[in-house]
């Protein structure tokens, strides 16, 4: 009788231990930043409040993150549309020679939908507009670097000699941000459009597409 090959032992997924516990604790602390932001607003983002929300000793925050700024930087980067939901698409676009009108439309609409559906991201944007923050300034600068690369690739498709695609994108991006924030903080209609209704959101998207098409040529 032939002896079969002995099965190699399966590698067990580590679900406990010091490293796993550290990872869970760090995630809990990062998530606590969002909870404090929602409950107490921007002035409430202190080491003491975050430690209390995460149910950890404040010394752990310094041990794992160094200081409050590093922790807030990490929290913001995990919520930013360009660094999370759109990252794969953006990396793909940056590897291309040029970007089409449809691809830029998809990014802008994705940004709008992300802000509309994420209360924490709305808080971050309000924070960015109302108070100076080194963390948010760094994020904005990083976003500008990526945006510049995307615009340069989009400009390769432009046939309209009178085009000012940068000004148009600035208006569209800012407008989409504002519409999403207005719909969720104020709740009223804007120019008679209710952005909580799918048909009115679609009207915004169609207008965006028409403007981009006219500008690109």
N, C-alpha and C. Protein backbone atom coordinates (compact mmCIF):
# COMPACT_ATOMS: atom_id res chain seq x y z
N UNK A 1 0.85 -1.19 0.00
CA UNK A 1 0.00 0.00 0.00
C UNK A 1 0.89 1.25 0.00
N UNK A 2 0.62 2.16 -0.98
CA UNK A 2 1.45 3.35 -1.08
C UNK A 2 1.06 4.37 -0.03
N UNK A 3 2.09 4.94 0.49
CA UNK A 3 1.83 5.99 1.47
C UNK A 3 1.58 7.31 0.75
N UNK A 4 0.50 7.95 1.07
CA UNK A 4 0.21 9.25 0.46
C UNK A 4 1.08 10.32 1.05
N UNK A 5 1.22 11.39 0.29
CA UNK A 5 2.02 12.51 0.79
C UNK A 5 1.31 13.15 1.97
N UNK A 6 2.07 13.39 2.97
CA UNK A 6 1.46 14.02 4.15
C UNK A 6 1.09 15.46 3.82
N UNK A 7 -0.09 15.82 4.21
CA UNK A 7 -0.56 17.17 3.93
C UNK A 7 0.23 18.18 4.74
N UNK A 8 0.62 19.25 4.07
CA UNK A 8 1.37 20.28 4.79
C UNK A 8 0.44 20.99 5.75
N UNK A 9 0.92 21.29 6.92
CA UNK A 9 0.05 21.93 7.92
C UNK A 9 -0.42 23.29 7.44
N UNK A 10 -1.71 23.58 7.66
CA UNK A 10 -2.26 24.86 7.25
C UNK A 10 -1.76 25.98 8.17
N UNK A 11 -1.48 27.09 7.54
CA UNK A 11 -1.04 28.25 8.32
C UNK A 11 -2.26 28.90 8.95
N UNK A 12 -2.25 28.97 10.24
CA UNK A 12 -3.38 29.56 10.95
C UNK A 12 -3.28 31.07 10.93
N UNK A 13 -4.40 31.67 10.64
CA UNK A 13 -4.46 33.13 10.64
C UNK A 13 -4.37 33.64 12.07
N UNK A 14 -3.46 34.56 12.27
CA UNK A 14 -3.27 35.09 13.61
C UNK A 14 -4.39 36.07 13.93
N UNK A 15 -5.17 35.74 14.94
CA UNK A 15 -6.28 36.61 15.33
C UNK A 15 -6.07 37.19 16.72
N UNK A 16 -4.97 36.80 17.35
CA UNK A 16 -4.68 37.33 18.68
C UNK A 16 -3.18 37.50 18.81
N UNK A 17 -2.77 38.04 19.92
CA UNK A 17 -1.35 38.28 20.13
C UNK A 17 -1.06 39.76 20.15
N UNK A 18 0.17 40.12 20.54
CA UNK A 18 0.53 41.53 20.71
C UNK A 18 0.36 42.37 19.45
N UNK A 19 0.80 41.85 18.28
CA UNK A 19 0.72 42.64 17.05
C UNK A 19 -0.73 42.88 16.64
N UNK A 20 -1.55 41.83 16.72
CA UNK A 20 -2.95 41.97 16.36
C UNK A 20 -3.67 42.91 17.32
N UNK A 21 -3.34 42.80 18.59
CA UNK A 21 -3.98 43.67 19.58
C UNK A 21 -3.58 45.13 19.36
N UNK A 22 -2.31 45.34 19.00
CA UNK A 22 -1.85 46.71 18.72
C UNK A 22 -2.60 47.29 17.53
N UNK A 23 -2.78 46.47 16.48
CA UNK A 23 -3.49 46.93 15.28
C UNK A 23 -4.93 47.29 15.61
N UNK A 24 -5.59 46.45 16.41
CA UNK A 24 -6.97 46.73 16.78
C UNK A 24 -7.07 48.01 17.60
N UNK A 25 -6.13 48.19 18.50
CA UNK A 25 -6.14 49.39 19.35
C UNK A 25 -5.91 50.65 18.51
N UNK A 26 -4.97 50.58 17.57
CA UNK A 26 -4.70 51.73 16.71
C UNK A 26 -5.92 52.08 15.87
N UNK A 27 -6.59 51.07 15.33
CA UNK A 27 -7.81 51.33 14.55
C UNK A 27 -8.89 51.96 15.41
N UNK A 28 -8.99 51.49 16.65
CA UNK A 28 -10.00 52.04 17.56
C UNK A 28 -9.71 53.51 17.85
N UNK A 29 -8.44 53.84 18.00
CA UNK A 29 -8.06 55.23 18.26
C UNK A 29 -8.35 56.11 17.05
N UNK A 30 -8.00 55.62 15.86
CA UNK A 30 -8.27 56.39 14.64
C UNK A 30 -9.77 56.61 14.46
N UNK A 31 -10.56 55.57 14.69
CA UNK A 31 -12.02 55.70 14.57
C UNK A 31 -12.58 56.65 15.61
N UNK A 32 -11.93 56.71 16.77
CA UNK A 32 -12.39 57.60 17.83
C UNK A 32 -12.27 59.07 17.42
N UNK A 33 -11.31 59.38 16.55
CA UNK A 33 -11.16 60.75 16.06
C UNK A 33 -12.45 61.20 15.38
N UNK A 34 -13.00 60.33 14.52
CA UNK A 34 -14.24 60.66 13.83
C UNK A 34 -15.41 60.83 14.77
N UNK A 35 -15.47 60.00 15.80
CA UNK A 35 -16.57 60.08 16.76
C UNK A 35 -16.49 61.38 17.57
N UNK A 36 -15.28 61.76 17.96
CA UNK A 36 -15.11 63.02 18.70
C UNK A 36 -15.45 64.20 17.80
N UNK A 37 -15.01 64.13 16.55
CA UNK A 37 -15.30 65.20 15.59
C UNK A 37 -16.80 65.39 15.43
N UNK A 38 -17.53 64.28 15.37
CA UNK A 38 -18.98 64.34 15.20
C UNK A 38 -19.68 64.87 16.45
N UNK A 39 -19.20 64.46 17.63
CA UNK A 39 -19.85 64.85 18.88
C UNK A 39 -19.48 66.25 19.35
N UNK A 40 -18.19 66.60 19.23
CA UNK A 40 -17.70 67.83 19.84
C UNK A 40 -17.18 68.86 18.85
N UNK A 41 -17.13 68.49 17.56
CA UNK A 41 -16.62 69.43 16.57
C UNK A 41 -15.11 69.53 16.61
N UNK A 42 -14.58 70.45 15.82
CA UNK A 42 -13.13 70.57 15.67
C UNK A 42 -12.41 70.95 16.96
N UNK A 43 -12.97 71.88 17.78
CA UNK A 43 -12.27 72.23 19.02
C UNK A 43 -12.15 71.05 19.99
N UNK A 44 -13.00 70.04 19.81
CA UNK A 44 -12.98 68.90 20.73
C UNK A 44 -11.94 67.85 20.41
N UNK A 45 -11.20 68.05 19.32
CA UNK A 45 -10.18 67.07 18.93
C UNK A 45 -8.93 67.24 19.78
N UNK A 46 -8.97 66.66 20.97
CA UNK A 46 -7.83 66.69 21.88
C UNK A 46 -7.43 65.26 22.22
N UNK A 47 -6.21 65.10 22.66
CA UNK A 47 -5.73 63.78 23.06
C UNK A 47 -6.63 63.20 24.16
N UNK A 48 -7.01 64.04 25.11
CA UNK A 48 -7.84 63.57 26.23
C UNK A 48 -9.19 63.05 25.75
N UNK A 49 -9.85 63.80 24.87
CA UNK A 49 -11.17 63.39 24.38
C UNK A 49 -11.09 62.13 23.52
N UNK A 50 -10.06 62.05 22.69
CA UNK A 50 -9.90 60.89 21.82
C UNK A 50 -9.60 59.64 22.65
N UNK A 51 -8.74 59.78 23.65
CA UNK A 51 -8.41 58.65 24.52
C UNK A 51 -9.65 58.18 25.27
N UNK A 52 -10.46 59.12 25.73
CA UNK A 52 -11.69 58.77 26.44
C UNK A 52 -12.65 58.03 25.52
N UNK A 53 -12.81 58.51 24.30
CA UNK A 53 -13.71 57.87 23.34
C UNK A 53 -13.23 56.48 22.96
N UNK A 54 -11.91 56.32 22.81
CA UNK A 54 -11.34 55.02 22.42
C UNK A 54 -11.17 54.08 23.61
N UNK A 55 -11.36 54.63 24.82
CA UNK A 55 -11.19 53.85 26.05
C UNK A 55 -9.77 53.30 26.16
N UNK A 56 -8.80 54.20 25.95
CA UNK A 56 -7.39 53.84 26.09
C UNK A 56 -6.69 54.90 26.92
N UNK A 57 -5.53 54.55 27.44
CA UNK A 57 -4.70 55.52 28.15
C UNK A 57 -4.12 56.48 27.11
N UNK A 58 -4.14 57.77 27.42
CA UNK A 58 -3.66 58.75 26.45
C UNK A 58 -2.19 58.52 26.09
N UNK A 59 -1.43 57.87 26.97
CA UNK A 59 -0.03 57.58 26.67
C UNK A 59 0.11 56.69 25.44
N UNK A 60 -0.89 55.83 25.22
CA UNK A 60 -0.85 54.94 24.05
C UNK A 60 -0.91 55.74 22.75
N UNK A 61 -1.64 56.83 22.76
CA UNK A 61 -1.75 57.65 21.55
C UNK A 61 -0.38 58.23 21.19
N UNK A 62 0.34 58.70 22.20
CA UNK A 62 1.69 59.22 21.95
C UNK A 62 2.63 58.10 21.52
N UNK A 63 2.47 56.91 22.11
CA UNK A 63 3.33 55.78 21.77
C UNK A 63 3.12 55.34 20.32
N UNK A 64 1.86 55.25 19.90
CA UNK A 64 1.54 54.73 18.57
C UNK A 64 1.63 55.78 17.46
N UNK A 65 1.31 57.04 17.79
CA UNK A 65 1.21 58.06 16.74
C UNK A 65 2.17 59.23 16.91
N UNK A 66 2.79 59.35 18.07
CA UNK A 66 3.75 60.42 18.29
C UNK A 66 3.12 61.69 18.83
N UNK A 67 2.10 62.17 18.14
CA UNK A 67 1.40 63.38 18.58
C UNK A 67 0.02 63.44 17.94
N UNK A 68 -0.73 64.45 18.31
CA UNK A 68 -2.10 64.60 17.81
C UNK A 68 -2.13 64.84 16.31
N UNK A 69 -1.20 65.65 15.81
CA UNK A 69 -1.18 65.97 14.37
C UNK A 69 -1.02 64.71 13.52
N UNK A 70 -0.13 63.82 13.93
CA UNK A 70 0.08 62.58 13.17
C UNK A 70 -1.18 61.72 13.16
N UNK A 71 -1.87 61.68 14.29
CA UNK A 71 -3.10 60.90 14.39
C UNK A 71 -4.18 61.50 13.49
N UNK A 72 -4.33 62.81 13.53
CA UNK A 72 -5.34 63.47 12.70
C UNK A 72 -5.00 63.31 11.22
N UNK A 73 -3.71 63.40 10.87
CA UNK A 73 -3.28 63.19 9.48
C UNK A 73 -3.73 61.82 8.98
N UNK A 74 -3.51 60.81 9.80
CA UNK A 74 -3.88 59.44 9.42
C UNK A 74 -5.39 59.31 9.27
N UNK A 75 -6.12 59.87 10.21
CA UNK A 75 -7.58 59.81 10.15
C UNK A 75 -8.10 60.46 8.87
N UNK A 76 -7.60 61.65 8.55
CA UNK A 76 -8.06 62.37 7.37
C UNK A 76 -7.73 61.61 6.09
N UNK A 77 -6.51 61.06 6.03
CA UNK A 77 -6.10 60.35 4.82
C UNK A 77 -6.96 59.11 4.58
N UNK A 78 -7.49 58.53 5.66
CA UNK A 78 -8.35 57.35 5.53
C UNK A 78 -9.76 57.71 5.07
N UNK A 79 -10.13 59.00 5.13
CA UNK A 79 -11.47 59.42 4.73
C UNK A 79 -11.47 60.16 3.41
N UNK A 80 -10.32 60.62 2.96
CA UNK A 80 -10.26 61.44 1.75
C UNK A 80 -10.61 60.62 0.51
N UNK A 81 -11.52 61.14 -0.30
CA UNK A 81 -11.98 60.44 -1.51
C UNK A 81 -10.83 60.11 -2.45
N UNK A 82 -9.93 61.05 -2.65
CA UNK A 82 -8.85 60.86 -3.62
C UNK A 82 -7.85 59.80 -3.16
N UNK A 83 -7.73 59.60 -1.84
CA UNK A 83 -6.76 58.64 -1.32
C UNK A 83 -7.38 57.27 -1.02
N UNK A 84 -8.70 57.19 -1.07
CA UNK A 84 -9.35 55.93 -0.71
C UNK A 84 -10.19 55.39 -1.87
N UNK A 85 -11.42 55.85 -1.99
CA UNK A 85 -12.33 55.29 -2.99
C UNK A 85 -11.85 55.49 -4.42
N UNK A 86 -11.18 56.62 -4.68
CA UNK A 86 -10.76 56.91 -6.05
C UNK A 86 -9.31 56.52 -6.33
N UNK A 87 -8.60 56.02 -5.33
CA UNK A 87 -7.16 55.79 -5.49
C UNK A 87 -6.83 54.84 -6.65
N UNK A 88 -7.55 53.72 -6.72
CA UNK A 88 -7.27 52.75 -7.78
C UNK A 88 -7.52 53.36 -9.15
N UNK A 89 -8.63 54.08 -9.29
CA UNK A 89 -8.95 54.72 -10.57
C UNK A 89 -7.92 55.78 -10.93
N UNK A 90 -7.51 56.57 -9.94
CA UNK A 90 -6.54 57.64 -10.19
C UNK A 90 -5.19 57.06 -10.59
N UNK A 91 -4.74 56.01 -9.90
CA UNK A 91 -3.47 55.37 -10.26
C UNK A 91 -3.51 54.87 -11.71
N UNK A 92 -4.64 54.32 -12.10
CA UNK A 92 -4.79 53.82 -13.47
C UNK A 92 -4.76 54.97 -14.47
N UNK A 93 -5.44 56.06 -14.15
CA UNK A 93 -5.48 57.22 -15.05
C UNK A 93 -4.10 57.86 -15.20
N UNK A 94 -3.36 57.92 -14.09
CA UNK A 94 -2.03 58.54 -14.14
C UNK A 94 -1.04 57.72 -14.96
N UNK A 95 -1.34 56.43 -15.12
CA UNK A 95 -0.47 55.56 -15.92
C UNK A 95 -0.78 55.68 -17.42
N UNK A 96 -1.89 56.34 -17.75
CA UNK A 96 -2.28 56.52 -19.16
C UNK A 96 -1.62 57.76 -19.75
N UNK A 97 -1.62 57.83 -21.07
CA UNK A 97 -1.06 59.00 -21.75
C UNK A 97 -1.99 60.20 -21.66
N UNK A 98 -3.30 59.93 -21.72
CA UNK A 98 -4.27 61.02 -21.63
C UNK A 98 -5.53 60.53 -20.91
N UNK A 99 -6.38 61.47 -20.54
CA UNK A 99 -7.62 61.16 -19.83
C UNK A 99 -8.79 61.66 -20.67
N UNK A 100 -9.81 60.84 -20.78
CA UNK A 100 -10.98 61.22 -21.57
C UNK A 100 -11.94 62.07 -20.75
N UNK A 101 -12.85 62.71 -21.46
CA UNK A 101 -13.90 63.49 -20.81
C UNK A 101 -14.71 62.61 -19.87
N UNK A 102 -15.05 61.40 -20.33
CA UNK A 102 -15.87 60.49 -19.53
C UNK A 102 -15.17 60.07 -18.24
N UNK A 103 -13.86 59.89 -18.32
CA UNK A 103 -13.11 59.48 -17.13
C UNK A 103 -13.06 60.61 -16.10
N UNK A 104 -12.93 61.85 -16.56
CA UNK A 104 -12.95 62.98 -15.63
C UNK A 104 -14.34 63.15 -15.02
N UNK A 105 -15.38 62.96 -15.84
CA UNK A 105 -16.75 63.02 -15.33
C UNK A 105 -16.95 62.01 -14.20
N UNK A 106 -16.45 60.81 -14.41
CA UNK A 106 -16.61 59.74 -13.42
C UNK A 106 -15.96 60.12 -12.09
N UNK A 107 -14.78 60.74 -12.15
CA UNK A 107 -14.10 61.17 -10.93
C UNK A 107 -14.91 62.23 -10.18
N UNK A 108 -15.41 63.22 -10.92
CA UNK A 108 -16.16 64.31 -10.30
C UNK A 108 -17.47 63.82 -9.68
N UNK A 109 -18.17 62.95 -10.40
CA UNK A 109 -19.43 62.42 -9.88
C UNK A 109 -19.17 61.52 -8.68
N UNK A 110 -18.09 60.74 -8.74
CA UNK A 110 -17.73 59.90 -7.60
C UNK A 110 -17.41 60.73 -6.37
N UNK A 111 -16.74 61.86 -6.57
CA UNK A 111 -16.43 62.77 -5.47
C UNK A 111 -17.72 63.29 -4.84
N UNK A 112 -18.66 63.72 -5.68
CA UNK A 112 -19.93 64.24 -5.18
C UNK A 112 -20.68 63.17 -4.37
N UNK A 113 -20.78 61.97 -4.92
CA UNK A 113 -21.50 60.89 -4.24
C UNK A 113 -20.84 60.52 -2.92
N UNK A 114 -19.51 60.58 -2.89
CA UNK A 114 -18.78 60.26 -1.67
C UNK A 114 -19.09 61.26 -0.57
N UNK A 115 -19.10 62.55 -0.90
CA UNK A 115 -19.40 63.58 0.09
C UNK A 115 -20.86 63.48 0.54
N UNK A 116 -21.76 63.25 -0.41
CA UNK A 116 -23.19 63.16 -0.09
C UNK A 116 -23.47 62.06 0.93
N UNK A 117 -22.73 60.96 0.85
CA UNK A 117 -23.06 59.78 1.65
C UNK A 117 -22.21 59.62 2.92
N UNK A 118 -21.25 60.52 3.13
CA UNK A 118 -20.31 60.35 4.24
C UNK A 118 -20.35 61.57 5.17
N UNK A 119 -21.03 61.43 6.30
CA UNK A 119 -21.18 62.55 7.23
C UNK A 119 -19.84 62.99 7.80
N UNK A 120 -18.93 62.04 8.01
CA UNK A 120 -17.61 62.40 8.54
C UNK A 120 -16.81 63.21 7.53
N UNK A 121 -16.88 62.82 6.27
CA UNK A 121 -16.19 63.58 5.23
C UNK A 121 -16.77 64.98 5.12
N UNK A 122 -18.07 65.12 5.31
CA UNK A 122 -18.70 66.44 5.31
C UNK A 122 -18.12 67.30 6.43
N UNK A 123 -17.94 66.70 7.60
CA UNK A 123 -17.36 67.42 8.73
C UNK A 123 -15.94 67.88 8.42
N UNK A 124 -15.17 67.01 7.79
CA UNK A 124 -13.78 67.34 7.45
C UNK A 124 -13.74 68.52 6.48
N UNK A 125 -14.62 68.52 5.49
CA UNK A 125 -14.66 69.61 4.52
C UNK A 125 -15.07 70.93 5.18
N UNK A 126 -16.04 70.86 6.09
CA UNK A 126 -16.44 72.05 6.82
C UNK A 126 -15.28 72.58 7.67
N UNK A 127 -14.55 71.66 8.25
CA UNK A 127 -13.37 72.01 9.04
C UNK A 127 -12.33 72.69 8.16
N UNK A 128 -12.11 72.13 6.97
CA UNK A 128 -11.13 72.68 6.04
C UNK A 128 -11.48 74.10 5.64
N UNK A 129 -12.77 74.40 5.53
CA UNK A 129 -13.22 75.72 5.10
C UNK A 129 -13.25 76.75 6.22
N UNK A 130 -13.42 76.28 7.45
CA UNK A 130 -13.68 77.22 8.55
C UNK A 130 -12.48 77.50 9.45
N UNK A 131 -11.49 76.60 9.46
CA UNK A 131 -10.37 76.78 10.37
C UNK A 131 -9.06 76.38 9.70
N UNK A 132 -7.98 77.06 10.10
CA UNK A 132 -6.67 76.68 9.59
C UNK A 132 -6.19 75.42 10.29
N UNK A 133 -5.72 74.48 9.50
CA UNK A 133 -5.19 73.23 10.04
C UNK A 133 -4.04 72.78 9.16
N UNK A 134 -2.89 72.52 9.77
CA UNK A 134 -1.73 72.06 9.01
C UNK A 134 -2.03 70.71 8.34
N UNK A 135 -2.77 69.85 9.04
CA UNK A 135 -3.12 68.54 8.48
C UNK A 135 -3.95 68.69 7.21
N UNK A 136 -4.95 69.56 7.28
CA UNK A 136 -5.83 69.76 6.12
C UNK A 136 -5.11 70.50 5.00
N UNK A 137 -4.19 71.40 5.36
CA UNK A 137 -3.41 72.10 4.33
C UNK A 137 -2.52 71.11 3.58
N UNK A 138 -1.90 70.18 4.31
CA UNK A 138 -1.06 69.17 3.65
C UNK A 138 -1.90 68.31 2.72
N UNK A 139 -3.09 67.94 3.18
CA UNK A 139 -3.98 67.12 2.36
C UNK A 139 -4.38 67.87 1.09
N UNK A 140 -4.72 69.16 1.23
CA UNK A 140 -5.11 69.97 0.08
C UNK A 140 -3.96 70.10 -0.92
N UNK A 141 -2.74 70.28 -0.39
CA UNK A 141 -1.57 70.40 -1.27
C UNK A 141 -1.32 69.09 -2.03
N UNK A 142 -1.47 67.97 -1.33
CA UNK A 142 -1.29 66.67 -1.98
C UNK A 142 -2.35 66.45 -3.06
N UNK A 143 -3.57 66.88 -2.76
CA UNK A 143 -4.67 66.75 -3.72
C UNK A 143 -4.39 67.60 -4.96
N UNK A 144 -3.80 68.78 -4.76
CA UNK A 144 -3.46 69.66 -5.87
C UNK A 144 -2.41 69.03 -6.78
N UNK A 145 -1.44 68.36 -6.19
CA UNK A 145 -0.38 67.71 -6.98
C UNK A 145 -0.99 66.66 -7.90
N UNK A 146 -1.86 65.83 -7.34
CA UNK A 146 -2.52 64.79 -8.14
C UNK A 146 -3.44 65.42 -9.18
N UNK A 147 -4.19 66.44 -8.75
CA UNK A 147 -5.10 67.12 -9.67
C UNK A 147 -4.38 67.73 -10.85
N UNK A 148 -3.20 68.30 -10.61
CA UNK A 148 -2.41 68.90 -11.69
C UNK A 148 -2.02 67.85 -12.73
N UNK A 149 -1.63 66.68 -12.27
CA UNK A 149 -1.26 65.61 -13.20
C UNK A 149 -2.46 65.16 -14.03
N UNK A 150 -3.62 65.07 -13.38
CA UNK A 150 -4.83 64.66 -14.09
C UNK A 150 -5.24 65.70 -15.14
N UNK A 151 -5.16 66.97 -14.76
CA UNK A 151 -5.56 68.04 -15.68
C UNK A 151 -4.64 68.07 -16.90
N UNK A 152 -3.34 67.90 -16.68
CA UNK A 152 -2.41 67.90 -17.80
C UNK A 152 -2.73 66.80 -18.81
N UNK A 153 -3.15 65.66 -18.31
CA UNK A 153 -3.52 64.55 -19.20
C UNK A 153 -4.84 64.83 -19.90
N UNK A 154 -5.77 65.49 -19.21
CA UNK A 154 -7.05 65.84 -19.83
C UNK A 154 -6.86 66.89 -20.91
N UNK A 155 -5.94 67.82 -20.70
CA UNK A 155 -5.71 68.91 -21.65
C UNK A 155 -5.27 68.40 -23.02
N UNK A 156 -4.73 67.20 -23.07
CA UNK A 156 -4.28 66.64 -24.35
C UNK A 156 -5.45 66.37 -25.29
N UNK A 157 -6.67 66.28 -24.73
CA UNK A 157 -7.85 66.00 -25.56
C UNK A 157 -8.55 67.26 -26.04
N UNK A 158 -8.14 68.41 -25.56
CA UNK A 158 -8.89 69.64 -25.83
C UNK A 158 -8.63 70.14 -27.26
N UNK A 159 -9.72 70.37 -27.98
CA UNK A 159 -9.62 70.90 -29.34
C UNK A 159 -10.17 72.33 -29.42
N UNK A 160 -10.86 72.75 -28.36
CA UNK A 160 -11.43 74.10 -28.32
C UNK A 160 -10.34 75.09 -27.94
N UNK A 161 -9.97 75.97 -28.88
CA UNK A 161 -8.87 76.90 -28.64
C UNK A 161 -9.19 77.93 -27.56
N UNK A 162 -10.46 78.16 -27.30
CA UNK A 162 -10.87 79.14 -26.28
C UNK A 162 -11.08 78.49 -24.92
N UNK A 163 -10.74 77.24 -24.79
CA UNK A 163 -11.03 76.50 -23.56
C UNK A 163 -10.19 76.99 -22.38
N UNK A 164 -10.82 77.01 -21.22
CA UNK A 164 -10.11 77.24 -19.95
C UNK A 164 -10.57 76.13 -19.01
N UNK A 165 -10.07 74.94 -19.26
CA UNK A 165 -10.55 73.76 -18.54
C UNK A 165 -10.25 73.84 -17.05
N UNK A 166 -9.17 74.52 -16.68
CA UNK A 166 -8.82 74.63 -15.26
C UNK A 166 -9.87 75.44 -14.50
N UNK A 167 -10.29 76.55 -15.09
CA UNK A 167 -11.31 77.38 -14.44
C UNK A 167 -12.64 76.62 -14.35
N UNK A 168 -12.97 75.89 -15.41
CA UNK A 168 -14.22 75.13 -15.40
C UNK A 168 -14.19 74.05 -14.33
N UNK A 169 -13.08 73.31 -14.24
CA UNK A 169 -12.97 72.25 -13.24
C UNK A 169 -12.99 72.82 -11.82
N UNK A 170 -12.39 74.01 -11.64
CA UNK A 170 -12.42 74.65 -10.32
C UNK A 170 -13.86 74.95 -9.92
N UNK A 171 -14.63 75.50 -10.85
CA UNK A 171 -16.03 75.82 -10.57
C UNK A 171 -16.85 74.55 -10.32
N UNK A 172 -16.62 73.53 -11.14
CA UNK A 172 -17.39 72.30 -11.00
C UNK A 172 -17.06 71.58 -9.69
N UNK A 173 -15.77 71.48 -9.38
CA UNK A 173 -15.37 70.79 -8.15
C UNK A 173 -15.91 71.50 -6.92
N UNK A 174 -15.71 72.82 -6.87
CA UNK A 174 -16.21 73.59 -5.73
C UNK A 174 -17.73 73.54 -5.65
N UNK A 175 -18.38 73.63 -6.80
CA UNK A 175 -19.84 73.59 -6.83
C UNK A 175 -20.39 72.27 -6.33
N UNK A 176 -19.77 71.17 -6.74
CA UNK A 176 -20.23 69.85 -6.29
C UNK A 176 -20.02 69.68 -4.79
N UNK A 177 -18.88 70.17 -4.29
CA UNK A 177 -18.65 70.13 -2.84
C UNK A 177 -19.75 70.90 -2.11
N UNK A 178 -20.01 72.11 -2.58
CA UNK A 178 -20.98 72.96 -1.89
C UNK A 178 -22.38 72.36 -1.95
N UNK A 179 -22.78 71.87 -3.10
CA UNK A 179 -24.12 71.28 -3.23
C UNK A 179 -24.31 70.11 -2.27
N UNK A 180 -23.28 69.27 -2.15
CA UNK A 180 -23.37 68.12 -1.24
C UNK A 180 -23.45 68.57 0.21
N UNK A 181 -22.63 69.56 0.57
CA UNK A 181 -22.64 70.06 1.95
C UNK A 181 -23.96 70.76 2.26
N UNK A 182 -24.44 71.56 1.32
CA UNK A 182 -25.69 72.30 1.51
C UNK A 182 -26.86 71.33 1.69
N UNK A 183 -26.91 70.30 0.87
CA UNK A 183 -28.01 69.34 0.93
C UNK A 183 -28.07 68.62 2.26
N UNK A 184 -26.90 68.38 2.86
CA UNK A 184 -26.86 67.60 4.10
C UNK A 184 -26.87 68.45 5.37
N UNK A 185 -26.46 69.71 5.28
CA UNK A 185 -26.45 70.55 6.48
C UNK A 185 -27.67 71.45 6.55
N UNK A 186 -28.11 71.94 5.39
CA UNK A 186 -29.25 72.85 5.36
C UNK A 186 -30.55 72.10 5.07
N UNK A 187 -30.48 71.19 4.11
CA UNK A 187 -31.64 70.36 3.80
C UNK A 187 -32.62 70.97 2.82
N UNK A 188 -32.44 72.26 2.50
CA UNK A 188 -33.38 72.90 1.58
C UNK A 188 -32.97 72.65 0.14
N UNK A 189 -33.83 73.04 -0.78
CA UNK A 189 -33.50 72.89 -2.19
C UNK A 189 -32.50 73.96 -2.61
N UNK A 190 -31.88 73.76 -3.75
CA UNK A 190 -30.92 74.74 -4.29
C UNK A 190 -31.30 74.96 -5.75
N UNK A 191 -31.71 76.19 -6.07
CA UNK A 191 -32.24 76.49 -7.41
C UNK A 191 -33.39 75.54 -7.76
N UNK A 192 -34.17 75.20 -6.75
CA UNK A 192 -35.32 74.34 -6.96
C UNK A 192 -35.00 72.86 -7.06
N UNK A 193 -33.72 72.49 -6.89
CA UNK A 193 -33.31 71.09 -6.98
C UNK A 193 -33.11 70.50 -5.59
N UNK A 194 -33.65 69.32 -5.39
CA UNK A 194 -33.48 68.61 -4.13
C UNK A 194 -32.46 67.49 -4.36
N UNK A 195 -31.25 67.69 -3.86
CA UNK A 195 -30.17 66.75 -4.15
C UNK A 195 -30.32 65.41 -3.44
N UNK A 196 -31.36 65.28 -2.62
CA UNK A 196 -31.64 63.98 -2.02
C UNK A 196 -32.50 63.12 -2.96
N UNK A 197 -32.98 63.74 -4.04
CA UNK A 197 -33.77 63.01 -5.03
C UNK A 197 -32.87 62.59 -6.19
N UNK A 198 -32.99 61.34 -6.58
CA UNK A 198 -32.13 60.80 -7.63
C UNK A 198 -32.28 61.57 -8.94
N UNK A 199 -33.52 61.93 -9.28
CA UNK A 199 -33.74 62.61 -10.56
C UNK A 199 -33.09 64.00 -10.59
N UNK A 200 -33.04 64.67 -9.44
CA UNK A 200 -32.40 65.99 -9.40
C UNK A 200 -30.87 65.87 -9.40
N UNK A 201 -30.35 64.84 -8.75
CA UNK A 201 -28.90 64.60 -8.83
C UNK A 201 -28.50 64.30 -10.27
N UNK A 202 -29.33 63.55 -10.98
CA UNK A 202 -29.04 63.21 -12.37
C UNK A 202 -29.03 64.46 -13.25
N UNK A 203 -29.87 65.42 -12.94
CA UNK A 203 -29.87 66.68 -13.70
C UNK A 203 -28.55 67.42 -13.52
N UNK A 204 -28.02 67.38 -12.30
CA UNK A 204 -26.71 67.99 -12.04
C UNK A 204 -25.62 67.28 -12.84
N UNK A 205 -25.66 65.96 -12.84
CA UNK A 205 -24.63 65.19 -13.55
C UNK A 205 -24.69 65.45 -15.06
N UNK A 206 -25.90 65.53 -15.60
CA UNK A 206 -26.04 65.78 -17.04
C UNK A 206 -25.53 67.17 -17.41
N UNK A 207 -25.80 68.14 -16.55
CA UNK A 207 -25.30 69.50 -16.79
C UNK A 207 -23.77 69.52 -16.75
N UNK A 208 -23.20 68.80 -15.79
CA UNK A 208 -21.73 68.70 -15.69
C UNK A 208 -21.15 68.13 -16.98
N UNK A 209 -21.77 67.08 -17.50
CA UNK A 209 -21.28 66.45 -18.72
C UNK A 209 -21.36 67.40 -19.92
N UNK A 210 -22.46 68.14 -20.01
CA UNK A 210 -22.62 69.07 -21.14
C UNK A 210 -21.56 70.17 -21.08
N UNK A 211 -21.29 70.67 -19.89
CA UNK A 211 -20.30 71.74 -19.74
C UNK A 211 -18.90 71.24 -20.11
N UNK A 212 -18.56 70.05 -19.64
CA UNK A 212 -17.24 69.50 -19.96
C UNK A 212 -17.09 69.27 -21.46
N UNK A 213 -18.14 68.74 -22.07
CA UNK A 213 -18.10 68.46 -23.51
C UNK A 213 -17.91 69.75 -24.30
N UNK A 214 -18.64 70.80 -23.91
CA UNK A 214 -18.54 72.08 -24.61
C UNK A 214 -17.15 72.70 -24.44
N UNK A 215 -16.55 72.51 -23.27
CA UNK A 215 -15.25 73.12 -23.00
C UNK A 215 -14.12 72.38 -23.70
N UNK A 216 -14.23 71.06 -23.74
CA UNK A 216 -13.17 70.25 -24.35
C UNK A 216 -13.23 70.33 -25.87
N UNK A 217 -14.45 70.37 -26.41
CA UNK A 217 -14.61 70.50 -27.86
C UNK A 217 -14.69 69.16 -28.57
